[in-house]
C-alpha cells in the first residue's frame, strides 16, 4: 500500500495545488493530511475547500484547533515579541477570512488517526498526529532525546508515528526491544507543504510504502520517501505582501525559514 502523507499547508494555495499536481505522478493508494490547513497567508477557505472536496482524511493542527474555536490563540511557540505581534496579525486575519462552514469543519477534525496493519505474525500500528500524541502543539524536533521519543511512541502504541508541526522533515529509527528480539519504531516528520523551515523553500511531503515485508522486526522494511516539489513561491509571497500580514512571512517563504 502506497500512502501519501502531508502537513502544514498554512493557507498556501499555490503550494497545495502544486502538491496535488505532483501527487498525480505517484499513483498512491491513500492520502492523509496531518493538519494546519490555515494561517499565515490569504487562502484559508480555498485550502480548506480543496481538502474537503477530495474527502482527504485530515486531523486538526494547532492552528486549525484555534481557528475552529474562533480563538485568538494558535498554540504557536513564538520566541520573540516581534514574532508574537506578527502571529497576532495572522490569526486575526485568518479568523476574519474563514467562512462559518469551514470553521465548523476545522472544529470537527479528529486529533489522531490510527491505522493497524496485520501483515505478518506481528501487527504494525501507524499513528498520525500533528505535534505529538500527548499534545497537539508539542514540538518533536530531530534532536529529541531517544529515551523521550521512545517513551512517547510506546505509550501511544505507535510503531510508525508520522507528524508535522516543526516544518522540518526527518526519519528516526528507534529500537524498543533488544538486539536479540528487536522492536523497531519509526518517527517520521513530514516537513511542510506550504511553510518549510529547513532552508529549502520547496514543499515537502512523504510517501510511505507498507507491504508484505513491513515488520517491526526489520528496521529497513520501513523507508519513507521524502518528496520535494517546486511551486510558485513568488505568488504566495506576493499574496502576503499584498495583505496586512507581516512582510516577514513573505521572506520566510522565499528562504524556507
C-alpha atoms as a PDB file:
ATOM      1  CA  UNK A   1       0.000   0.000   0.000  1.00  0.00           C
ATOM      2  CA  UNK A   2       1.396   3.339  -1.075  1.00  0.00           C
ATOM      3  CA  UNK A   3       0.402   6.163   1.283  1.00  0.00           C
ATOM      4  CA  UNK A   4       0.911   9.905   0.777  1.00  0.00           C
ATOM      5  CA  UNK A   5       1.188  11.984   3.949  1.00  0.00           C
ATOM      6  CA  UNK A   6       1.375  15.767   4.114  1.00  0.00           C
ATOM      7  CA  UNK A   7       1.058  18.531   6.675  1.00  0.00           C
ATOM      8  CA  UNK A   8       1.265  22.249   7.438  1.00  0.00           C
ATOM      9  CA  UNK A   9      -0.204  23.877   4.335  1.00  0.00           C
ATOM     10  CA  UNK A  10      -0.878  27.152   6.148  1.00  0.00           C
ATOM     11  CA  UNK A  11      -3.249  28.760   3.641  1.00  0.00           C
ATOM     12  CA  UNK A  12      -0.679  28.439   0.848  1.00  0.00           C
ATOM     13  CA  UNK A  13      -2.924  27.623  -2.106  1.00  0.00           C
ATOM     14  CA  UNK A  14      -0.177  27.687  -4.809  1.00  0.00           C
ATOM     15  CA  UNK A  15       1.798  25.126  -2.800  1.00  0.00           C
ATOM     16  CA  UNK A  16      -1.240  22.892  -2.287  1.00  0.00           C
ATOM     17  CA  UNK A  17      -2.130  22.984  -5.985  1.00  0.00           C
ATOM     18  CA  UNK A  18       1.456  22.065  -6.909  1.00  0.00           C
ATOM     19  CA  UNK A  19       1.363  19.228  -4.371  1.00  0.00           C
ATOM     20  CA  UNK A  20      -1.769  17.744  -5.924  1.00  0.00           C
ATOM     21  CA  UNK A  21      -0.207  18.028  -9.375  1.00  0.00           C
ATOM     22  CA  UNK A  22       2.961  16.274  -8.203  1.00  0.00           C
ATOM     23  CA  UNK A  23       0.911  13.596  -6.468  1.00  0.00           C
ATOM     24  CA  UNK A  24      -0.770  12.644  -9.743  1.00  0.00           C
ATOM     25  CA  UNK A  25       2.548  11.110 -10.845  1.00  0.00           C
ATOM     26  CA  UNK A  26       2.847   8.895  -7.764  1.00  0.00           C
ATOM     27  CA  UNK A  27      -0.139   6.509  -8.086  1.00  0.00           C
ATOM     28  CA  UNK A  28      -0.826   6.395  -4.353  1.00  0.00           C
ATOM     29  CA  UNK A  29      -3.482   4.245  -2.699  1.00  0.00           C
ATOM     30  CA  UNK A  30      -4.314   6.548   0.208  1.00  0.00           C
ATOM     31  CA  UNK A  31      -3.783  10.169   1.284  1.00  0.00           C
ATOM     32  CA  UNK A  32      -3.766  11.628   4.779  1.00  0.00           C
ATOM     33  CA  UNK A  33      -3.377  15.243   5.910  1.00  0.00           C
ATOM     34  CA  UNK A  34      -1.846  15.935   9.314  1.00  0.00           C
ATOM     35  CA  UNK A  35      -3.285  19.379   9.841  1.00  0.00           C
ATOM     36  CA  UNK A  36      -2.556  23.085   9.959  1.00  0.00           C
ATOM     37  CA  UNK A  37      -4.538  23.918   6.867  1.00  0.00           C
ATOM     38  CA  UNK A  38      -4.793  27.608   7.777  1.00  0.00           C
ATOM     39  CA  UNK A  39      -2.784  30.609   8.981  1.00  0.00           C
ATOM     40  CA  UNK A  40      -0.012  32.843   7.607  1.00  0.00           C
ATOM     41  CA  UNK A  41      -1.495  33.507   4.158  1.00  0.00           C
ATOM     42  CA  UNK A  42      -4.692  34.690   2.459  1.00  0.00           C
ATOM     43  CA  UNK A  43      -6.294  31.428   1.271  1.00  0.00           C
ATOM     44  CA  UNK A  44      -7.653  29.611   4.357  1.00  0.00           C
ATOM     45  CA  UNK A  45     -11.020  28.963   2.708  1.00  0.00           C
ATOM     46  CA  UNK A  46      -9.628  27.844  -0.640  1.00  0.00           C
ATOM     47  CA  UNK A  47      -7.167  25.457   1.003  1.00  0.00           C
ATOM     48  CA  UNK A  48      -9.792  24.009   3.340  1.00  0.00           C
ATOM     49  CA  UNK A  49     -12.222  23.521   0.470  1.00  0.00           C
ATOM     50  CA  UNK A  50      -9.609  21.765  -1.675  1.00  0.00           C
ATOM     51  CA  UNK A  51      -9.059  19.262   1.147  1.00  0.00           C
ATOM     52  CA  UNK A  52     -12.780  18.823   1.776  1.00  0.00           C
ATOM     53  CA  UNK A  53     -13.827  18.253  -1.815  1.00  0.00           C
ATOM     54  CA  UNK A  54     -11.274  15.444  -2.143  1.00  0.00           C
ATOM     55  CA  UNK A  55     -12.539  13.782   1.054  1.00  0.00           C
ATOM     56  CA  UNK A  56      -8.989  13.521   2.399  1.00  0.00           C
ATOM     57  CA  UNK A  57      -8.871  12.120   5.947  1.00  0.00           C
ATOM     58  CA  UNK A  58      -7.459  15.000   7.979  1.00  0.00           C
ATOM     59  CA  UNK A  59      -6.537  15.661  11.593  1.00  0.00           C
ATOM     60  CA  UNK A  60      -6.526  19.014  13.349  1.00  0.00           C
ATOM     61  CA  UNK A  61      -3.366  21.052  13.616  1.00  0.00           C
ATOM     62  CA  UNK A  62      -2.923  23.543  16.427  1.00  0.00           C
ATOM     63  CA  UNK A  63      -3.809  26.422  14.096  1.00  0.00           C
ATOM     64  CA  UNK A  64      -6.944  24.619  12.908  1.00  0.00           C
ATOM     65  CA  UNK A  65      -7.869  23.985  16.541  1.00  0.00           C
ATOM     66  CA  UNK A  66      -7.643  27.710  17.368  1.00  0.00           C
ATOM     67  CA  UNK A  67      -9.471  28.957  14.275  1.00  0.00           C
ATOM     68  CA  UNK A  68     -12.148  26.283  14.679  1.00  0.00           C
ATOM     69  CA  UNK A  69     -12.953  27.817  18.055  1.00  0.00           C
ATOM     70  CA  UNK A  70     -12.641  31.443  16.903  1.00  0.00           C
ATOM     71  CA  UNK A  71      -9.754  31.847  19.317  1.00  0.00           C
ATOM     72  CA  UNK A  72      -7.005  34.454  19.214  1.00  0.00           C
ATOM     73  CA  UNK A  73      -4.508  31.757  20.232  1.00  0.00           C
ATOM     74  CA  UNK A  74      -2.951  29.320  17.769  1.00  0.00           C
ATOM     75  CA  UNK A  75      -0.824  27.364  20.235  1.00  0.00           C
ATOM     76  CA  UNK A  76       2.341  28.519  18.461  1.00  0.00           C
ATOM     77  CA  UNK A  77       5.623  28.790  20.371  1.00  0.00           C
ATOM     78  CA  UNK A  78       6.710  32.268  19.283  1.00  0.00           C
ATOM     79  CA  UNK A  79      10.124  33.146  20.674  1.00  0.00           C
ATOM     80  CA  UNK A  80      10.242  36.947  20.413  1.00  0.00           C
ATOM     81  CA  UNK A  81       7.850  39.844  20.935  1.00  0.00           C
ATOM     82  CA  UNK A  82       8.040  40.586  17.194  1.00  0.00           C
ATOM     83  CA  UNK A  83       7.029  37.026  16.353  1.00  0.00           C
ATOM     84  CA  UNK A  84       4.138  37.244  18.819  1.00  0.00           C
ATOM     85  CA  UNK A  85       2.942  40.523  17.298  1.00  0.00           C
ATOM     86  CA  UNK A  86       3.183  39.099  13.776  1.00  0.00           C
ATOM     87  CA  UNK A  87       1.346  35.973  14.892  1.00  0.00           C
ATOM     88  CA  UNK A  88      -1.477  38.059  16.330  1.00  0.00           C
ATOM     89  CA  UNK A  89      -1.984  39.675  12.916  1.00  0.00           C
ATOM     90  CA  UNK A  90      -2.051  36.274  11.229  1.00  0.00           C
ATOM     91  CA  UNK A  91      -4.641  34.677  13.495  1.00  0.00           C
ATOM     92  CA  UNK A  92      -6.775  37.828  13.451  1.00  0.00           C
ATOM     93  CA  UNK A  93      -6.832  37.896   9.642  1.00  0.00           C
ATOM     94  CA  UNK A  94      -7.488  34.150   9.416  1.00  0.00           C
ATOM     95  CA  UNK A  95     -10.442  34.489  11.797  1.00  0.00           C
ATOM     96  CA  UNK A  96     -11.810  37.285   9.623  1.00  0.00           C
ATOM     97  CA  UNK A  97     -11.404  35.360   6.366  1.00  0.00           C
ATOM     98  CA  UNK A  98     -12.594  31.885   7.339  1.00  0.00           C
ATOM     99  CA  UNK A  99     -16.196  31.064   6.482  1.00  0.00           C
ATOM    100  CA  UNK A 100     -18.614  29.701   9.076  1.00  0.00           C
ATOM    101  CA  UNK A 101     -18.834  26.444   7.139  1.00  0.00           C
ATOM    102  CA  UNK A 102     -15.075  25.953   7.057  1.00  0.00           C
ATOM    103  CA  UNK A 103     -14.676  26.993  10.695  1.00  0.00           C
ATOM    104  CA  UNK A 104     -17.179  24.294  11.671  1.00  0.00           C
ATOM    105  CA  UNK A 105     -15.205  21.754   9.612  1.00  0.00           C
ATOM    106  CA  UNK A 106     -11.919  22.702  11.324  1.00  0.00           C
ATOM    107  CA  UNK A 107     -13.531  22.411  14.734  1.00  0.00           C
ATOM    108  CA  UNK A 108     -14.779  18.907  13.951  1.00  0.00           C
ATOM    109  CA  UNK A 109     -11.428  17.450  12.876  1.00  0.00           C
ATOM    110  CA  UNK A 110     -10.118  14.496  14.906  1.00  0.00           C
ATOM    111  CA  UNK A 111      -6.952  14.742  16.990  1.00  0.00           C
ATOM    112  CA  UNK A 112      -5.356  11.494  15.773  1.00  0.00           C
ATOM    113  CA  UNK A 113      -5.793   8.814  13.138  1.00  0.00           C
ATOM    114  CA  UNK A 114      -4.655   5.250  13.870  1.00  0.00           C
ATOM    115  CA  UNK A 115      -4.280   2.576  11.184  1.00  0.00           C
ATOM    116  CA  UNK A 116      -3.468  -1.009  12.175  1.00  0.00           C
ATOM    117  CA  UNK A 117      -1.889  -3.388   9.672  1.00  0.00           C
ATOM    118  CA  UNK A 118      -1.781  -7.173  10.171  1.00  0.00           C
ATOM    119  CA  UNK A 119       0.667  -8.315   7.532  1.00  0.00           C
ATOM    120  CA  UNK A 120       2.850 -10.878   9.274  1.00  0.00           C
ATOM    121  CA  UNK A 121       2.927 -12.559  12.666  1.00  0.00           C
ATOM    122  CA  UNK A 122       3.234  -9.107  14.224  1.00  0.00           C
ATOM    123  CA  UNK A 123       0.866  -6.163  13.873  1.00  0.00           C
ATOM    124  CA  UNK A 124       2.063  -2.780  12.645  1.00  0.00           C
ATOM    125  CA  UNK A 125       0.446   0.342  14.079  1.00  0.00           C
ATOM    126  CA  UNK A 126       0.600   3.593  12.102  1.00  0.00           C
ATOM    127  CA  UNK A 127      -0.273   6.646  14.192  1.00  0.00           C
ATOM    128  CA  UNK A 128      -0.878  10.052  12.613  1.00  0.00           C
ATOM    129  CA  UNK A 129      -0.670  13.101  14.879  1.00  0.00           C
ATOM    130  CA  UNK A 130       0.041  16.784  14.369  1.00  0.00           C
ATOM    131  CA  UNK A 131       2.504  17.656  17.129  1.00  0.00           C
ATOM    132  CA  UNK A 132       2.650  14.556  19.311  1.00  0.00           C
ATOM    133  CA  UNK A 133       0.206  12.010  20.756  1.00  0.00           C
ATOM    134  CA  UNK A 134       0.340  13.913  24.039  1.00  0.00           C
ATOM    135  CA  UNK A 135      -0.338  17.430  22.832  1.00  0.00           C
ATOM    136  CA  UNK A 136      -1.389  18.959  19.538  1.00  0.00           C
ATOM    137  CA  UNK A 137       1.290  21.664  19.730  1.00  0.00           C
ATOM    138  CA  UNK A 138       4.203  19.695  21.210  1.00  0.00           C
ATOM    139  CA  UNK A 139       7.323  20.053  19.075  1.00  0.00           C
ATOM    140  CA  UNK A 140       9.176  16.816  18.326  1.00  0.00           C
ATOM    141  CA  UNK A 141      12.431  18.039  16.858  1.00  0.00           C
ATOM    142  CA  UNK A 142      15.023  15.688  15.411  1.00  0.00           C
ATOM    143  CA  UNK A 143      17.319  16.145  18.413  1.00  0.00           C
ATOM    144  CA  UNK A 144      14.690  14.926  20.899  1.00  0.00           C
ATOM    145  CA  UNK A 145      16.377  12.511  23.310  1.00  0.00           C
ATOM    146  CA  UNK A 146      15.924   8.914  22.182  1.00  0.00           C
ATOM    147  CA  UNK A 147      14.589   7.827  25.577  1.00  0.00           C
ATOM    148  CA  UNK A 148      11.935  10.547  25.493  1.00  0.00           C
ATOM    149  CA  UNK A 149      10.859   9.832  21.927  1.00  0.00           C
ATOM    150  CA  UNK A 150      10.674   6.101  22.588  1.00  0.00           C
ATOM    151  CA  UNK A 151       8.525   6.652  25.683  1.00  0.00           C
ATOM    152  CA  UNK A 152       6.098   8.805  23.683  1.00  0.00           C
ATOM    153  CA  UNK A 153       5.771   6.143  20.993  1.00  0.00           C
ATOM    154  CA  UNK A 154       5.492   3.235  23.424  1.00  0.00           C
ATOM    155  CA  UNK A 155       2.806   4.989  25.458  1.00  0.00           C
ATOM    156  CA  UNK A 156       0.862   5.626  22.231  1.00  0.00           C
ATOM    157  CA  UNK A 157       1.429   2.048  20.930  1.00  0.00           C
ATOM    158  CA  UNK A 158       2.887   3.511  17.734  1.00  0.00           C
ATOM    159  CA  UNK A 159       5.232   1.503  15.539  1.00  0.00           C
ATOM    160  CA  UNK A 160       5.248   4.200  12.868  1.00  0.00           C
ATOM    161  CA  UNK A 161       4.445   7.701  14.083  1.00  0.00           C
ATOM    162  CA  UNK A 162       4.011  10.431  11.479  1.00  0.00           C
ATOM    163  CA  UNK A 163       3.710  14.065  12.470  1.00  0.00           C
ATOM    164  CA  UNK A 164       4.381  17.639  11.391  1.00  0.00           C
ATOM    165  CA  UNK A 165       4.299  20.939  13.310  1.00  0.00           C
ATOM    166  CA  UNK A 166       8.052  21.658  13.292  1.00  0.00           C
ATOM    167  CA  UNK A 167       8.117  22.028   9.465  1.00  0.00           C
ATOM    168  CA  UNK A 168      11.468  20.199   9.426  1.00  0.00           C
ATOM    169  CA  UNK A 169      11.467  16.707   7.864  1.00  0.00           C
ATOM    170  CA  UNK A 170      13.345  13.747   9.302  1.00  0.00           C
ATOM    171  CA  UNK A 171      13.184   9.986   9.895  1.00  0.00           C
ATOM    172  CA  UNK A 172      14.490   8.338  13.055  1.00  0.00           C
ATOM    173  CA  UNK A 173      14.581   4.599  13.773  1.00  0.00           C
ATOM    174  CA  UNK A 174      14.450   3.523  17.418  1.00  0.00           C
ATOM    175  CA  UNK A 175      14.567   0.055  18.979  1.00  0.00           C
ATOM    176  CA  UNK A 176      12.313  -0.520  21.989  1.00  0.00           C
ATOM    177  CA  UNK A 177      13.247  -4.206  22.106  1.00  0.00           C
ATOM    178  CA  UNK A 178      16.626  -5.895  22.352  1.00  0.00           C
ATOM    179  CA  UNK A 179      19.282  -6.888  19.847  1.00  0.00           C
ATOM    180  CA  UNK A 180      18.019 -10.474  20.003  1.00  0.00           C
ATOM    181  CA  UNK A 181      14.327  -9.527  19.872  1.00  0.00           C
ATOM    182  CA  UNK A 182      14.110  -6.087  18.277  1.00  0.00           C
ATOM    183  CA  UNK A 183      11.026  -3.896  18.012  1.00  0.00           C
ATOM    184  CA  UNK A 184      11.841  -1.105  15.634  1.00  0.00           C
ATOM    185  CA  UNK A 185       9.782   2.088  15.736  1.00  0.00           C
ATOM    186  CA  UNK A 186       9.874   4.862  13.154  1.00  0.00           C
ATOM    187  CA  UNK A 187       9.386   8.553  13.927  1.00  0.00           C
ATOM    188  CA  UNK A 188       8.711  10.446  10.702  1.00  0.00           C
ATOM    189  CA  UNK A 189       8.328  14.209  10.461  1.00  0.00           C
ATOM    190  CA  UNK A 190       6.697  15.079   7.151  1.00  0.00           C
ATOM    191  CA  UNK A 191       8.057  18.604   6.829  1.00  0.00           C
ATOM    192  CA  UNK A 192       5.678  21.215   5.426  1.00  0.00           C
ATOM    193  CA  UNK A 193       3.732  21.666   2.208  1.00  0.00           C
ATOM    194  CA  UNK A 194       3.324  25.429   2.448  1.00  0.00           C
ATOM    195  CA  UNK A 195       5.741  26.851   5.039  1.00  0.00           C
ATOM    196  CA  UNK A 196       9.066  24.957   5.066  1.00  0.00           C
ATOM    197  CA  UNK A 197      11.560  25.871   7.775  1.00  0.00           C
ATOM    198  CA  UNK A 198      14.562  23.754   6.819  1.00  0.00           C
ATOM    199  CA  UNK A 199      16.176  26.247   4.452  1.00  0.00           C
ATOM    200  CA  UNK A 200      14.599  24.698   1.347  1.00  0.00           C
ATOM    201  CA  UNK A 201      11.633  26.736   0.014  1.00  0.00           C
ATOM    202  CA  UNK A 202      10.201  23.772  -1.886  1.00  0.00           C
ATOM    203  CA  UNK A 203       7.214  21.961  -0.436  1.00  0.00           C
ATOM    204  CA  UNK A 204       7.814  18.619   1.270  1.00  0.00           C
ATOM    205  CA  UNK A 205       5.701  15.519   1.852  1.00  0.00           C
ATOM    206  CA  UNK A 206       6.196  11.784   2.403  1.00  0.00           C
ATOM    207  CA  UNK A 207       5.355   8.607   0.514  1.00  0.00           C
ATOM    208  CA  UNK A 208       5.193   5.562   2.787  1.00  0.00           C
ATOM    209  CA  UNK A 209       5.124   2.024   1.404  1.00  0.00           C
ATOM    210  CA  UNK A 210       3.506  -0.658   3.543  1.00  0.00           C
ATOM    211  CA  UNK A 211       3.768  -4.177   2.088  1.00  0.00           C
ATOM    212  CA  UNK A 212       4.173  -7.842   2.989  1.00  0.00           C
ATOM    213  CA  UNK A 213       7.757  -7.280   4.160  1.00  0.00           C
ATOM    214  CA  UNK A 214       6.910  -4.432   6.540  1.00  0.00           C
ATOM    215  CA  UNK A 215       7.631  -5.521  10.105  1.00  0.00           C
ATOM    216  CA  UNK A 216       8.704  -4.198  13.499  1.00  0.00           C
ATOM    217  CA  UNK A 217      11.426  -6.862  13.389  1.00  0.00           C
ATOM    218  CA  UNK A 218      13.235  -5.369  10.381  1.00  0.00           C
ATOM    219  CA  UNK A 219      14.375  -1.761  10.665  1.00  0.00           C
ATOM    220  CA  UNK A 220      14.937  -1.466   6.908  1.00  0.00           C
ATOM    221  CA  UNK A 221      11.410  -2.573   5.977  1.00  0.00           C
ATOM    222  CA  UNK A 222      10.033   0.953   6.505  1.00  0.00           C
ATOM    223  CA  UNK A 223      11.664   3.537   4.261  1.00  0.00           C
ATOM    224  CA  UNK A 224       9.757   6.814   3.877  1.00  0.00           C
ATOM    225  CA  UNK A 225      10.413   8.721   0.682  1.00  0.00           C
ATOM    226  CA  UNK A 226      10.663  12.481   1.197  1.00  0.00           C
ATOM    227  CA  UNK A 227       9.357  14.285  -1.865  1.00  0.00           C
ATOM    228  CA  UNK A 228      10.358  17.891  -2.562  1.00  0.00           C
ATOM    229  CA  UNK A 229       8.401  19.801  -5.192  1.00  0.00           C
ATOM    230  CA  UNK A 230       8.600  23.242  -6.759  1.00  0.00           C
ATOM    231  CA  UNK A 231       5.696  25.669  -6.554  1.00  0.00           C
ATOM    232  CA  UNK A 232       5.107  29.349  -7.320  1.00  0.00           C
ATOM    233  CA  UNK A 233       6.759  30.718  -4.186  1.00  0.00           C
ATOM    234  CA  UNK A 234       6.653  34.266  -5.526  1.00  0.00           C
ATOM    235  CA  UNK A 235       2.876  34.143  -5.975  1.00  0.00           C
ATOM    236  CA  UNK A 236       2.471  33.059  -2.366  1.00  0.00           C
ATOM    237  CA  UNK A 237       4.967  35.659  -1.124  1.00  0.00           C
ATOM    238  CA  UNK A 238       3.351  38.494  -3.069  1.00  0.00           C
ATOM    239  CA  UNK A 239      -0.051  37.500  -1.687  1.00  0.00           C
ATOM    240  CA  UNK A 240       1.366  38.050   1.798  1.00  0.00           C
ATOM    241  CA  UNK A 241       2.818  41.422   0.795  1.00  0.00           C
ATOM    242  CA  UNK A 242      -0.496  42.477  -0.721  1.00  0.00           C
ATOM    243  CA  UNK A 243      -2.312  41.827   2.559  1.00  0.00           C
ATOM    244  CA  UNK A 244      -1.921  43.191   6.063  1.00  0.00           C
ATOM    245  CA  UNK A 245       0.147  40.167   7.002  1.00  0.00           C
ATOM    246  CA  UNK A 246       3.753  40.960   8.004  1.00  0.00           C
ATOM    247  CA  UNK A 247       6.195  41.035   5.078  1.00  0.00           C
ATOM    248  CA  UNK A 248       8.454  38.785   7.145  1.00  0.00           C
ATOM    249  CA  UNK A 249       6.184  35.892   6.213  1.00  0.00           C
ATOM    250  CA  UNK A 250       6.851  36.549   2.532  1.00  0.00           C
ATOM    251  CA  UNK A 251      10.607  36.464   3.066  1.00  0.00           C
ATOM    252  CA  UNK A 252      10.278  33.259   5.095  1.00  0.00           C
ATOM    253  CA  UNK A 253       8.545  31.611   2.116  1.00  0.00           C
ATOM    254  CA  UNK A 254      11.274  32.753  -0.253  1.00  0.00           C
ATOM    255  CA  UNK A 255      14.041  31.491   2.035  1.00  0.00           C
ATOM    256  CA  UNK A 256      12.401  28.396   3.506  1.00  0.00           C
ATOM    257  CA  UNK A 257      12.687  29.792   7.018  1.00  0.00           C
END
